[in-house]
C-alpha cells in the first residue's frame, strides 16, 4: 500500500479513459435536456458541457483515488458526475465548504 496519494502516478491513458467516460456522461445529460425540451441543440453548448464534464470527471476520479474507492465504483461515480456536469461541481464545492466550516468551528472551540 502506498503511503500517500500521488495523482502523477497514473498514465495518460488512465486520464484519457476518465475524460472519455465523464464526457460521455455529459453528452448523455445534454441529449436528455434536448429530448425533454429544456434546450435546443447548440454546438457551443455541447462543447461547453463536454469540457465541464471532463473537468468534473477528473476531479471525481482524483477524489475517489484519494479515498481509495473501488475502481468499478470510481468509474460509475465518474460517469454520474460527468452527467451532472456543473451540478456535480457545486455539490463538491458544498461538501468542501461544510468540511472547512466544521474544521474552523472546531478550531474556535479549542
PDB file of N, CA and C in Angstrom:
ATOM      1  N   UNK A   1       0.840  -1.180   0.000  1.00  0.00           N
ATOM      2  CA  UNK A   1       0.000   0.000   0.000  1.00  0.00           C
ATOM      3  C   UNK A   1       0.887   1.247   0.000  1.00  0.00           C
ATOM      4  N   UNK A   2       0.518   2.214  -0.800  1.00  0.00           N
ATOM      5  CA  UNK A   2       1.342   3.412  -0.866  1.00  0.00           C
ATOM      6  C   UNK A   2       1.071   4.330   0.324  1.00  0.00           C
ATOM      7  N   UNK A   3       2.075   5.123   0.688  1.00  0.00           N
ATOM      8  CA  UNK A   3       1.967   5.988   1.853  1.00  0.00           C
ATOM      9  C   UNK A   3       1.042   7.170   1.629  1.00  0.00           C
ATOM     10  N   UNK A   4       1.103   7.766   0.433  1.00  0.00           N
ATOM     11  CA  UNK A   4       0.236   8.905   0.162  1.00  0.00           C
ATOM     12  C   UNK A   4      -0.189   8.895  -1.301  1.00  0.00           C
ATOM     13  N   UNK A   5      -1.267   9.587  -1.567  1.00  0.00           N
ATOM     14  CA  UNK A   5      -1.838   9.635  -2.905  1.00  0.00           C
ATOM     15  C   UNK A   5      -1.011  10.553  -3.795  1.00  0.00           C
ATOM     16  N   UNK A   6      -0.678  10.070  -4.982  1.00  0.00           N
ATOM     17  CA  UNK A   6       0.100  10.854  -5.942  1.00  0.00           C
ATOM     18  C   UNK A   6      -0.625  10.831  -7.284  1.00  0.00           C
ATOM     19  N   UNK A   7      -1.288  11.943  -7.668  1.00  0.00           N
ATOM     20  CA  UNK A   7      -2.024  11.948  -8.934  1.00  0.00           C
ATOM     21  C   UNK A   7      -1.133  11.774 -10.160  1.00  0.00           C
ATOM     22  N   UNK A   8       0.164  11.950 -10.013  1.00  0.00           N
ATOM     23  CA  UNK A   8       1.081  11.799 -11.142  1.00  0.00           C
ATOM     24  C   UNK A   8       1.445  10.336 -11.390  1.00  0.00           C
ATOM     25  N   UNK A   9       0.952   9.427 -10.543  1.00  0.00           N
ATOM     26  CA  UNK A   9       1.275   8.005 -10.709  1.00  0.00           C
ATOM     27  C   UNK A   9       0.517   7.369 -11.871  1.00  0.00           C
ATOM     28  N   UNK A  10      -0.517   8.019 -12.358  1.00  0.00           N
ATOM     29  CA  UNK A  10      -1.350   7.452 -13.412  1.00  0.00           C
ATOM     30  C   UNK A  10      -0.811   7.813 -14.785  1.00  0.00           C
ATOM     31  N   UNK A  11      -1.023   6.902 -15.725  1.00  0.00           N
ATOM     32  CA  UNK A  11      -0.573   7.131 -17.095  1.00  0.00           C
ATOM     33  C   UNK A  11      -1.580   7.991 -17.844  1.00  0.00           C
ATOM     34  N   UNK A  12      -1.158   8.536 -18.953  1.00  0.00           N
ATOM     35  CA  UNK A  12      -2.014   9.380 -19.784  1.00  0.00           C
ATOM     36  C   UNK A  12      -3.282   8.628 -20.177  1.00  0.00           C
ATOM     37  N   UNK A  13      -3.162   7.327 -20.469  1.00  0.00           N
ATOM     38  CA  UNK A  13      -4.324   6.532 -20.869  1.00  0.00           C
ATOM     39  C   UNK A  13      -5.382   6.493 -19.771  1.00  0.00           C
ATOM     40  N   UNK A  14      -4.971   6.477 -18.525  1.00  0.00           N
ATOM     41  CA  UNK A  14      -5.934   6.492 -17.418  1.00  0.00           C
ATOM     42  C   UNK A  14      -6.748   7.770 -17.453  1.00  0.00           C
ATOM     43  N   UNK A  15      -6.059   8.890 -17.608  1.00  0.00           N
ATOM     44  CA  UNK A  15      -6.758  10.181 -17.644  1.00  0.00           C
ATOM     45  C   UNK A  15      -7.628  10.307 -18.894  1.00  0.00           C
ATOM     46  N   UNK A  16      -7.173   9.776 -20.026  1.00  0.00           N
ATOM     47  CA  UNK A  16      -7.991   9.809 -21.238  1.00  0.00           C
ATOM     48  C   UNK A  16      -9.252   8.969 -21.058  1.00  0.00           C
ATOM     49  N   UNK A  17      -9.119   7.824 -20.396  1.00  0.00           N
ATOM     50  CA  UNK A  17     -10.253   6.968 -20.127  1.00  0.00           C
ATOM     51  C   UNK A  17     -11.254   7.691 -19.222  1.00  0.00           C
ATOM     52  N   UNK A  18     -10.768   8.338 -18.181  1.00  0.00           N
ATOM     53  CA  UNK A  18     -11.632   9.077 -17.253  1.00  0.00           C
ATOM     54  C   UNK A  18     -12.326  10.226 -17.982  1.00  0.00           C
ATOM     55  N   UNK A  19     -11.586  10.984 -18.768  1.00  0.00           N
ATOM     56  CA  UNK A  19     -12.179  12.094 -19.515  1.00  0.00           C
ATOM     57  C   UNK A  19     -13.218  11.568 -20.506  1.00  0.00           C
ATOM     58  N   UNK A  20     -12.910  10.450 -21.170  1.00  0.00           N
ATOM     59  CA  UNK A  20     -13.858   9.864 -22.113  1.00  0.00           C
ATOM     60  C   UNK A  20     -15.153   9.439 -21.447  1.00  0.00           C
ATOM     61  N   UNK A  21     -15.047   8.763 -20.311  1.00  0.00           N
ATOM     62  CA  UNK A  21     -16.230   8.297 -19.592  1.00  0.00           C
ATOM     63  C   UNK A  21     -17.064   9.469 -19.072  1.00  0.00           C
ATOM     64  N   UNK A  22     -16.413  10.458 -18.492  1.00  0.00           N
ATOM     65  CA  UNK A  22     -17.157  11.599 -17.954  1.00  0.00           C
ATOM     66  C   UNK A  22     -17.761  12.451 -19.072  1.00  0.00           C
ATOM     67  N   UNK A  23     -17.040  12.589 -20.182  1.00  0.00           N
ATOM     68  CA  UNK A  23     -17.573  13.336 -21.325  1.00  0.00           C
ATOM     69  C   UNK A  23     -18.781  12.615 -21.910  1.00  0.00           C
ATOM     70  N   UNK A  24     -18.713  11.299 -21.977  1.00  0.00           N
ATOM     71  CA  UNK A  24     -19.845  10.501 -22.442  1.00  0.00           C
ATOM     72  C   UNK A  24     -21.066  10.756 -21.553  1.00  0.00           C
ATOM     73  N   UNK A  25     -20.837  10.805 -20.237  1.00  0.00           N
ATOM     74  CA  UNK A  25     -21.916  11.134 -19.300  1.00  0.00           C
ATOM     75  C   UNK A  25     -22.467  12.523 -19.561  1.00  0.00           C
ATOM     76  N   UNK A  26     -21.581  13.477 -19.857  1.00  0.00           N
ATOM     77  CA  UNK A  26     -22.009  14.846 -20.151  1.00  0.00           C
ATOM     78  C   UNK A  26     -22.833  14.925 -21.425  1.00  0.00           C
ATOM     79  N   UNK A  27     -22.429  14.181 -22.451  1.00  0.00           N
ATOM     80  CA  UNK A  27     -23.183  14.159 -23.704  1.00  0.00           C
ATOM     81  C   UNK A  27     -24.564  13.541 -23.462  1.00  0.00           C
ATOM     82  N   UNK A  28     -24.616  12.471 -22.682  1.00  0.00           N
ATOM     83  CA  UNK A  28     -25.904  11.841 -22.358  1.00  0.00           C
ATOM     84  C   UNK A  28     -26.807  12.824 -21.616  1.00  0.00           C
ATOM     85  N   UNK A  29     -26.226  13.589 -20.695  1.00  0.00           N
ATOM     86  CA  UNK A  29     -27.011  14.594 -19.977  1.00  0.00           C
ATOM     87  C   UNK A  29     -27.532  15.682 -20.899  1.00  0.00           C
ATOM     88  N   UNK A  30     -26.712  16.087 -21.839  1.00  0.00           N
ATOM     89  CA  UNK A  30     -27.121  17.137 -22.790  1.00  0.00           C
ATOM     90  C   UNK A  30     -28.227  16.629 -23.712  1.00  0.00           C
ATOM     91  N   UNK A  31     -28.095  15.400 -24.179  1.00  0.00           N
ATOM     92  CA  UNK A  31     -29.133  14.804 -25.027  1.00  0.00           C
ATOM     93  C   UNK A  31     -30.450  14.707 -24.250  1.00  0.00           C
ATOM     94  N   UNK A  32     -30.369  14.337 -22.981  1.00  0.00           N
ATOM     95  CA  UNK A  32     -31.564  14.265 -22.136  1.00  0.00           C
ATOM     96  C   UNK A  32     -32.243  15.626 -22.037  1.00  0.00           C
ATOM     97  N   UNK A  33     -31.444  16.683 -21.859  1.00  0.00           N
ATOM     98  CA  UNK A  33     -32.002  18.044 -21.790  1.00  0.00           C
ATOM     99  C   UNK A  33     -32.716  18.418 -23.082  1.00  0.00           C
ATOM    100  N   UNK A  34     -32.120  18.078 -24.204  1.00  0.00           N
ATOM    101  CA  UNK A  34     -32.723  18.390 -25.508  1.00  0.00           C
ATOM    102  C   UNK A  34     -34.027  17.619 -25.683  1.00  0.00           C
ATOM    103  N   UNK A  35     -34.000  16.318 -25.378  1.00  0.00           N
ATOM    104  CA  UNK A  35     -35.198  15.485 -25.565  1.00  0.00           C
ATOM    105  C   UNK A  35     -36.329  15.905 -24.633  1.00  0.00           C
ATOM    106  N   UNK A  36     -36.004  16.421 -23.474  1.00  0.00           N
ATOM    107  CA  UNK A  36     -37.045  16.847 -22.537  1.00  0.00           C
ATOM    108  C   UNK A  36     -37.545  18.260 -22.834  1.00  0.00           C
ATOM    109  N   UNK A  37     -36.937  18.925 -23.825  1.00  0.00           N
ATOM    110  CA  UNK A  37     -37.384  20.249 -24.231  1.00  0.00           C
ATOM    111  C   UNK A  37     -36.814  21.392 -23.414  1.00  0.00           C
ATOM    112  N   UNK A  38     -35.795  21.119 -22.587  1.00  0.00           N
ATOM    113  CA  UNK A  38     -35.194  22.172 -21.760  1.00  0.00           C
ATOM    114  C   UNK A  38     -34.295  23.110 -22.564  1.00  0.00           C
ATOM    115  N   UNK A  39     -33.832  22.639 -23.702  1.00  0.00           N
ATOM    116  CA  UNK A  39     -32.980  23.483 -24.540  1.00  0.00           C
ATOM    117  C   UNK A  39     -32.988  22.957 -25.969  1.00  0.00           C
ATOM    118  N   UNK A  40     -32.495  23.774 -26.874  1.00  0.00           N
ATOM    119  CA  UNK A  40     -32.305  23.368 -28.263  1.00  0.00           C
ATOM    120  C   UNK A  40     -30.831  23.052 -28.471  1.00  0.00           C
ATOM    121  N   UNK A  41     -30.555  22.245 -29.505  1.00  0.00           N
ATOM    122  CA  UNK A  41     -29.170  21.879 -29.762  1.00  0.00           C
ATOM    123  C   UNK A  41     -28.341  23.102 -30.123  1.00  0.00           C
ATOM    124  N   UNK A  42     -27.162  23.174 -29.524  1.00  0.00           N
ATOM    125  CA  UNK A  42     -26.190  24.210 -29.827  1.00  0.00           C
ATOM    126  C   UNK A  42     -24.810  23.559 -29.728  1.00  0.00           C
ATOM    127  N   UNK A  43     -24.042  23.658 -30.796  1.00  0.00           N
ATOM    128  CA  UNK A  43     -22.714  23.053 -30.800  1.00  0.00           C
ATOM    129  C   UNK A  43     -21.838  23.654 -29.705  1.00  0.00           C
ATOM    130  N   UNK A  44     -21.906  24.958 -29.526  1.00  0.00           N
ATOM    131  CA  UNK A  44     -21.075  25.587 -28.497  1.00  0.00           C
ATOM    132  C   UNK A  44     -21.509  25.144 -27.098  1.00  0.00           C
ATOM    133  N   UNK A  45     -22.810  24.966 -26.900  1.00  0.00           N
ATOM    134  CA  UNK A  45     -23.317  24.468 -25.613  1.00  0.00           C
ATOM    135  C   UNK A  45     -22.846  23.036 -25.371  1.00  0.00           C
ATOM    136  N   UNK A  46     -22.881  22.212 -26.409  1.00  0.00           N
ATOM    137  CA  UNK A  46     -22.425  20.827 -26.296  1.00  0.00           C
ATOM    138  C   UNK A  46     -20.938  20.767 -25.953  1.00  0.00           C
ATOM    139  N   UNK A  47     -20.133  21.572 -26.630  1.00  0.00           N
ATOM    140  CA  UNK A  47     -18.693  21.594 -26.349  1.00  0.00           C
ATOM    141  C   UNK A  47     -18.442  22.068 -24.917  1.00  0.00           C
ATOM    142  N   UNK A  48     -19.183  23.074 -24.479  1.00  0.00           N
ATOM    143  CA  UNK A  48     -19.062  23.550 -23.098  1.00  0.00           C
ATOM    144  C   UNK A  48     -19.409  22.457 -22.101  1.00  0.00           C
ATOM    145  N   UNK A  49     -20.491  21.735 -22.358  1.00  0.00           N
ATOM    146  CA  UNK A  49     -20.890  20.617 -21.489  1.00  0.00           C
ATOM    147  C   UNK A  49     -19.796  19.552 -21.446  1.00  0.00           C
ATOM    148  N   UNK A  50     -19.186  19.291 -22.584  1.00  0.00           N
ATOM    149  CA  UNK A  50     -18.137  18.272 -22.651  1.00  0.00           C
ATOM    150  C   UNK A  50     -16.918  18.693 -21.829  1.00  0.00           C
ATOM    151  N   UNK A  51     -16.526  19.957 -21.910  1.00  0.00           N
ATOM    152  CA  UNK A  51     -15.384  20.438 -21.128  1.00  0.00           C
ATOM    153  C   UNK A  51     -15.677  20.381 -19.634  1.00  0.00           C
ATOM    154  N   UNK A  52     -16.870  20.825 -19.246  1.00  0.00           N
ATOM    155  CA  UNK A  52     -17.253  20.797 -17.833  1.00  0.00           C
ATOM    156  C   UNK A  52     -17.294  19.359 -17.331  1.00  0.00           C
ATOM    157  N   UNK A  53     -17.884  18.467 -18.127  1.00  0.00           N
ATOM    158  CA  UNK A  53     -17.979  17.066 -17.736  1.00  0.00           C
ATOM    159  C   UNK A  53     -16.603  16.421 -17.610  1.00  0.00           C
ATOM    160  N   UNK A  54     -15.711  16.715 -18.535  1.00  0.00           N
ATOM    161  CA  UNK A  54     -14.354  16.184 -18.453  1.00  0.00           C
ATOM    162  C   UNK A  54     -13.635  16.661 -17.207  1.00  0.00           C
ATOM    163  N   UNK A  55     -13.793  17.941 -16.901  1.00  0.00           N
ATOM    164  CA  UNK A  55     -13.157  18.517 -15.707  1.00  0.00           C
ATOM    165  C   UNK A  55     -13.682  17.866 -14.432  1.00  0.00           C
ATOM    166  N   UNK A  56     -15.010  17.808 -14.308  1.00  0.00           N
ATOM    167  CA  UNK A  56     -15.588  17.237 -13.087  1.00  0.00           C
ATOM    168  C   UNK A  56     -15.289  15.739 -12.997  1.00  0.00           C
ATOM    169  N   UNK A  57     -15.157  15.069 -14.138  1.00  0.00           N
ATOM    170  CA  UNK A  57     -14.779  13.660 -14.121  1.00  0.00           C
ATOM    171  C   UNK A  57     -13.391  13.449 -13.554  1.00  0.00           C
ATOM    172  N   UNK A  58     -12.456  14.281 -13.954  1.00  0.00           N
ATOM    173  CA  UNK A  58     -11.086  14.201 -13.414  1.00  0.00           C
ATOM    174  C   UNK A  58     -11.090  14.474 -11.909  1.00  0.00           C
ATOM    175  N   UNK A  59     -11.810  15.505 -11.485  1.00  0.00           N
ATOM    176  CA  UNK A  59     -11.888  15.830 -10.056  1.00  0.00           C
ATOM    177  C   UNK A  59     -12.480  14.648  -9.282  1.00  0.00           C
ATOM    178  N   UNK A  60     -13.564  14.080  -9.810  1.00  0.00           N
ATOM    179  CA  UNK A  60     -14.196  12.937  -9.153  1.00  0.00           C
ATOM    180  C   UNK A  60     -13.243  11.752  -9.076  1.00  0.00           C
ATOM    181  N   UNK A  61     -12.540  11.484 -10.165  1.00  0.00           N
ATOM    182  CA  UNK A  61     -11.578  10.388 -10.189  1.00  0.00           C
ATOM    183  C   UNK A  61     -10.500  10.591  -9.119  1.00  0.00           C
ATOM    184  N   UNK A  62      -9.954  11.791  -9.044  1.00  0.00           N
ATOM    185  CA  UNK A  62      -8.900  12.057  -8.057  1.00  0.00           C
ATOM    186  C   UNK A  62      -9.424  11.922  -6.633  1.00  0.00           C
ATOM    187  N   UNK A  63     -10.644  12.398  -6.386  1.00  0.00           N
ATOM    188  CA  UNK A  63     -11.242  12.252  -5.055  1.00  0.00           C
ATOM    189  C   UNK A  63     -11.454  10.771  -4.718  1.00  0.00           C
ATOM    190  N   UNK A  64     -11.929  10.010  -5.687  1.00  0.00           N
ATOM    191  CA  UNK A  64     -12.129   8.571  -5.476  1.00  0.00           C
ATOM    192  C   UNK A  64     -10.806   7.865  -5.191  1.00  0.00           C
ATOM    193  N   UNK A  65      -9.772   8.206  -5.925  1.00  0.00           N
ATOM    194  CA  UNK A  65      -8.469   7.579  -5.719  1.00  0.00           C
ATOM    195  C   UNK A  65      -7.901   7.951  -4.355  1.00  0.00           C
ATOM    196  N   UNK A  66      -8.043   9.209  -3.977  1.00  0.00           N
ATOM    197  CA  UNK A  66      -7.542   9.643  -2.676  1.00  0.00           C
ATOM    198  C   UNK A  66      -8.283   8.953  -1.537  1.00  0.00           C
ATOM    199  N   UNK A  67      -9.560   8.638  -1.758  1.00  0.00           N
ATOM    200  CA  UNK A  67     -10.372   7.960  -0.748  1.00  0.00           C
ATOM    201  C   UNK A  67     -10.276   6.435  -0.857  1.00  0.00           C
ATOM    202  N   UNK A  68      -9.460   5.959  -1.817  1.00  0.00           N
ATOM    203  CA  UNK A  68      -9.254   4.527  -2.052  1.00  0.00           C
ATOM    204  C   UNK A  68     -10.568   3.800  -2.336  1.00  0.00           C
ATOM    205  N   UNK A  69     -11.407   4.394  -3.160  1.00  0.00           N
ATOM    206  CA  UNK A  69     -12.679   3.792  -3.545  1.00  0.00           C
ATOM    207  C   UNK A  69     -12.423   2.764  -4.642  1.00  0.00           C
ATOM    208  N   UNK A  70     -13.174   1.679  -4.585  1.00  0.00           N
ATOM    209  CA  UNK A  70     -13.076   0.594  -5.557  1.00  0.00           C
ATOM    210  C   UNK A  70     -13.105   1.151  -6.980  1.00  0.00           C
ATOM    211  N   UNK A  71     -12.236   0.664  -7.876  1.00  0.00           N
ATOM    212  CA  UNK A  71     -12.175   1.190  -9.248  1.00  0.00           C
ATOM    213  C   UNK A  71     -13.496   1.136 -10.017  1.00  0.00           C
ATOM    214  N   UNK A  72     -14.278   0.076  -9.818  1.00  0.00           N
ATOM    215  CA  UNK A  72     -15.558  -0.026 -10.524  1.00  0.00           C
ATOM    216  C   UNK A  72     -16.525   1.050 -10.017  1.00  0.00           C
ATOM    217  N   UNK A  73     -16.575   1.250  -8.705  1.00  0.00           N
ATOM    218  CA  UNK A  73     -17.412   2.309  -8.143  1.00  0.00           C
ATOM    219  C   UNK A  73     -16.895   3.675  -8.592  1.00  0.00           C
ATOM    220  N   UNK A  74     -15.584   3.844  -8.649  1.00  0.00           N
ATOM    221  CA  UNK A  74     -14.995   5.100  -9.136  1.00  0.00           C
ATOM    222  C   UNK A  74     -15.449   5.397 -10.555  1.00  0.00           C
ATOM    223  N   UNK A  75     -15.431   4.379 -11.412  1.00  0.00           N
ATOM    224  CA  UNK A  75     -15.863   4.565 -12.802  1.00  0.00           C
ATOM    225  C   UNK A  75     -17.321   4.994 -12.860  1.00  0.00           C
ATOM    226  N   UNK A  76     -18.164   4.372 -12.050  1.00  0.00           N
ATOM    227  CA  UNK A  76     -19.578   4.751 -12.016  1.00  0.00           C
ATOM    228  C   UNK A  76     -19.737   6.196 -11.541  1.00  0.00           C
ATOM    229  N   UNK A  77     -19.004   6.571 -10.507  1.00  0.00           N
ATOM    230  CA  UNK A  77     -19.092   7.938  -9.988  1.00  0.00           C
ATOM    231  C   UNK A  77     -18.577   8.959 -10.997  1.00  0.00           C
ATOM    232  N   UNK A  78     -17.543   8.597 -11.744  1.00  0.00           N
ATOM    233  CA  UNK A  78     -17.020   9.480 -12.798  1.00  0.00           C
ATOM    234  C   UNK A  78     -18.087   9.712 -13.862  1.00  0.00           C
ATOM    235  N   UNK A  79     -18.738   8.645 -14.299  1.00  0.00           N
ATOM    236  CA  UNK A  79     -19.796   8.774 -15.305  1.00  0.00           C
ATOM    237  C   UNK A  79     -20.970   9.588 -14.809  1.00  0.00           C
ATOM    238  N   UNK A  80     -21.386   9.340 -13.566  1.00  0.00           N
ATOM    239  CA  UNK A  80     -22.509  10.078 -12.985  1.00  0.00           C
ATOM    240  C   UNK A  80     -22.161  11.546 -12.819  1.00  0.00           C
ATOM    241  N   UNK A  81     -20.977  11.827 -12.327  1.00  0.00           N
ATOM    242  CA  UNK A  81     -20.594  13.237 -12.140  1.00  0.00           C
ATOM    243  C   UNK A  81     -20.453  13.935 -13.486  1.00  0.00           C
ATOM    244  N   UNK A  82     -19.991  13.211 -14.511  1.00  0.00           N
ATOM    245  CA  UNK A  82     -19.932  13.782 -15.859  1.00  0.00           C
ATOM    246  C   UNK A  82     -21.320  14.129 -16.360  1.00  0.00           C
ATOM    247  N   UNK A  83     -22.279  13.265 -16.092  1.00  0.00           N
ATOM    248  CA  UNK A  83     -23.674  13.516 -16.460  1.00  0.00           C
ATOM    249  C   UNK A  83     -24.223  14.726 -15.709  1.00  0.00           C
ATOM    250  N   UNK A  84     -23.829  14.874 -14.453  1.00  0.00           N
ATOM    251  CA  UNK A  84     -24.292  16.012 -13.637  1.00  0.00           C
ATOM    252  C   UNK A  84     -23.647  17.319 -14.073  1.00  0.00           C
ATOM    253  N   UNK A  85     -22.426  17.254 -14.570  1.00  0.00           N
ATOM    254  CA  UNK A  85     -21.735  18.452 -15.036  1.00  0.00           C
ATOM    255  C   UNK A  85     -21.510  19.467 -13.933  1.00  0.00           C
ATOM    256  N   UNK A  86     -21.950  20.694 -14.169  1.00  0.00           N
ATOM    257  CA  UNK A  86     -21.692  21.774 -13.208  1.00  0.00           C
ATOM    258  C   UNK A  86     -22.423  21.550 -11.888  1.00  0.00           C
ATOM    259  N   UNK A  87     -23.525  20.788 -11.903  1.00  0.00           N
ATOM    260  CA  UNK A  87     -24.212  20.466 -10.639  1.00  0.00           C
ATOM    261  C   UNK A  87     -23.292  19.662  -9.731  1.00  0.00           C
ATOM    262  N   UNK A  88     -22.469  18.778 -10.308  1.00  0.00           N
ATOM    263  CA  UNK A  88     -21.519  17.994  -9.516  1.00  0.00           C
ATOM    264  C   UNK A  88     -20.449  18.901  -8.912  1.00  0.00           C
ATOM    265  N   UNK A  89     -20.003  19.879  -9.671  1.00  0.00           N
ATOM    266  CA  UNK A  89     -19.009  20.823  -9.151  1.00  0.00           C
ATOM    267  C   UNK A  89     -19.585  21.577  -7.959  1.00  0.00           C
ATOM    268  N   UNK A  90     -20.845  22.018  -8.090  1.00  0.00           N
ATOM    269  CA  UNK A  90     -21.479  22.736  -6.973  1.00  0.00           C
ATOM    270  C   UNK A  90     -21.648  21.839  -5.756  1.00  0.00           C
ATOM    271  N   UNK A  91     -21.964  20.559  -5.966  1.00  0.00           N
ATOM    272  CA  UNK A  91     -22.112  19.619  -4.862  1.00  0.00           C
ATOM    273  C   UNK A  91     -20.773  19.388  -4.165  1.00  0.00           C
ATOM    274  N   UNK A  92     -19.716  19.192  -4.941  1.00  0.00           N
ATOM    275  CA  UNK A  92     -18.374  19.020  -4.368  1.00  0.00           C
ATOM    276  C   UNK A  92     -17.976  20.276  -3.603  1.00  0.00           C
ATOM    277  N   UNK A  93     -18.264  21.439  -4.176  1.00  0.00           N
ATOM    278  CA  UNK A  93     -17.964  22.707  -3.511  1.00  0.00           C
ATOM    279  C   UNK A  93     -18.697  22.806  -2.174  1.00  0.00           C
ATOM    280  N   UNK A  94     -19.962  22.396  -2.148  1.00  0.00           N
ATOM    281  CA  UNK A  94     -20.756  22.455  -0.911  1.00  0.00           C
ATOM    282  C   UNK A  94     -20.161  21.548   0.167  1.00  0.00           C
ATOM    283  N   UNK A  95     -19.768  20.333  -0.215  1.00  0.00           N
ATOM    284  CA  UNK A  95     -19.178  19.394   0.740  1.00  0.00           C
ATOM    285  C   UNK A  95     -17.877  19.963   1.302  1.00  0.00           C
ATOM    286  N   UNK A  96     -17.050  20.515   0.441  1.00  0.00           N
ATOM    287  CA  UNK A  96     -15.778  21.101   0.896  1.00  0.00           C
ATOM    288  C   UNK A  96     -16.037  22.273   1.825  1.00  0.00           C
ATOM    289  N   UNK A  97     -16.986  23.134   1.460  1.00  0.00           N
ATOM    290  CA  UNK A  97     -17.317  24.290   2.299  1.00  0.00           C
ATOM    291  C   UNK A  97     -17.789  23.849   3.683  1.00  0.00           C
ATOM    292  N   UNK A  98     -18.638  22.824   3.735  1.00  0.00           N
ATOM    293  CA  UNK A  98     -19.125  22.313   5.018  1.00  0.00           C
ATOM    294  C   UNK A  98     -17.982  21.757   5.854  1.00  0.00           C
ATOM    295  N   UNK A  99     -17.053  21.050   5.209  1.00  0.00           N
ATOM    296  CA  UNK A  99     -15.915  20.484   5.926  1.00  0.00           C
ATOM    297  C   UNK A  99     -15.009  21.578   6.481  1.00  0.00           C
ATOM    298  N   UNK A 100     -14.789  22.622   5.689  1.00  0.00           N
ATOM    299  CA  UNK A 100     -13.951  23.737   6.136  1.00  0.00           C
ATOM    300  C   UNK A 100     -14.628  24.456   7.300  1.00  0.00           C
ATOM    301  N   UNK A 101     -15.924  24.708   7.179  1.00  0.00           N
ATOM    302  CA  UNK A 101     -16.648  25.387   8.260  1.00  0.00           C
ATOM    303  C   UNK A 101     -16.638  24.553   9.536  1.00  0.00           C
ATOM    304  N   UNK A 102     -16.793  23.231   9.389  1.00  0.00           N
ATOM    305  CA  UNK A 102     -16.757  22.349  10.553  1.00  0.00           C
ATOM    306  C   UNK A 102     -15.382  22.396  11.206  1.00  0.00           C
ATOM    307  N   UNK A 103     -14.344  22.371  10.382  1.00  0.00           N
ATOM    308  CA  UNK A 103     -12.965  22.413  10.897  1.00  0.00           C
ATOM    309  C   UNK A 103     -12.692  23.743  11.600  1.00  0.00           C
ATOM    310  N   UNK A 104     -13.144  24.843  10.992  1.00  0.00           N
ATOM    311  CA  UNK A 104     -12.929  26.161  11.595  1.00  0.00           C
ATOM    312  C   UNK A 104     -13.691  26.312  12.908  1.00  0.00           C
ATOM    313  N   UNK A 105     -14.907  25.788  12.957  1.00  0.00           N
ATOM    314  CA  UNK A 105     -15.686  25.909  14.188  1.00  0.00           C
ATOM    315  C   UNK A 105     -15.094  25.041  15.300  1.00  0.00           C
ATOM    316  N   UNK A 106     -14.520  23.892  14.950  1.00  0.00           N
ATOM    317  CA  UNK A 106     -13.879  23.067  15.980  1.00  0.00           C
ATOM    318  C   UNK A 106     -12.572  23.701  16.449  1.00  0.00           C
ATOM    319  N   UNK A 107     -11.893  24.442  15.580  1.00  0.00           N
ATOM    320  CA  UNK A 107     -10.669  25.149  15.985  1.00  0.00           C
ATOM    321  C   UNK A 107     -10.995  26.332  16.891  1.00  0.00           C
ATOM    322  N   UNK A 108     -12.134  26.967  16.662  1.00  0.00           N
ATOM    323  CA  UNK A 108     -12.542  28.098  17.509  1.00  0.00           C
ATOM    324  C   UNK A 108     -12.855  27.635  18.931  1.00  0.00           C
ATOM    325  N   UNK A 109     -13.346  26.406  19.069  1.00  0.00           N
ATOM    326  CA  UNK A 109     -13.710  25.873  20.384  1.00  0.00           C
ATOM    327  C   UNK A 109     -12.489  25.447  21.183  1.00  0.00           C
ATOM    328  N   UNK A 110     -11.356  25.200  20.506  1.00  0.00           N
ATOM    329  CA  UNK A 110     -10.173  24.752  21.233  1.00  0.00           C
ATOM    330  C   UNK A 110      -9.318  25.872  21.751  1.00  0.00           C
TER     331      UNK A 110
END
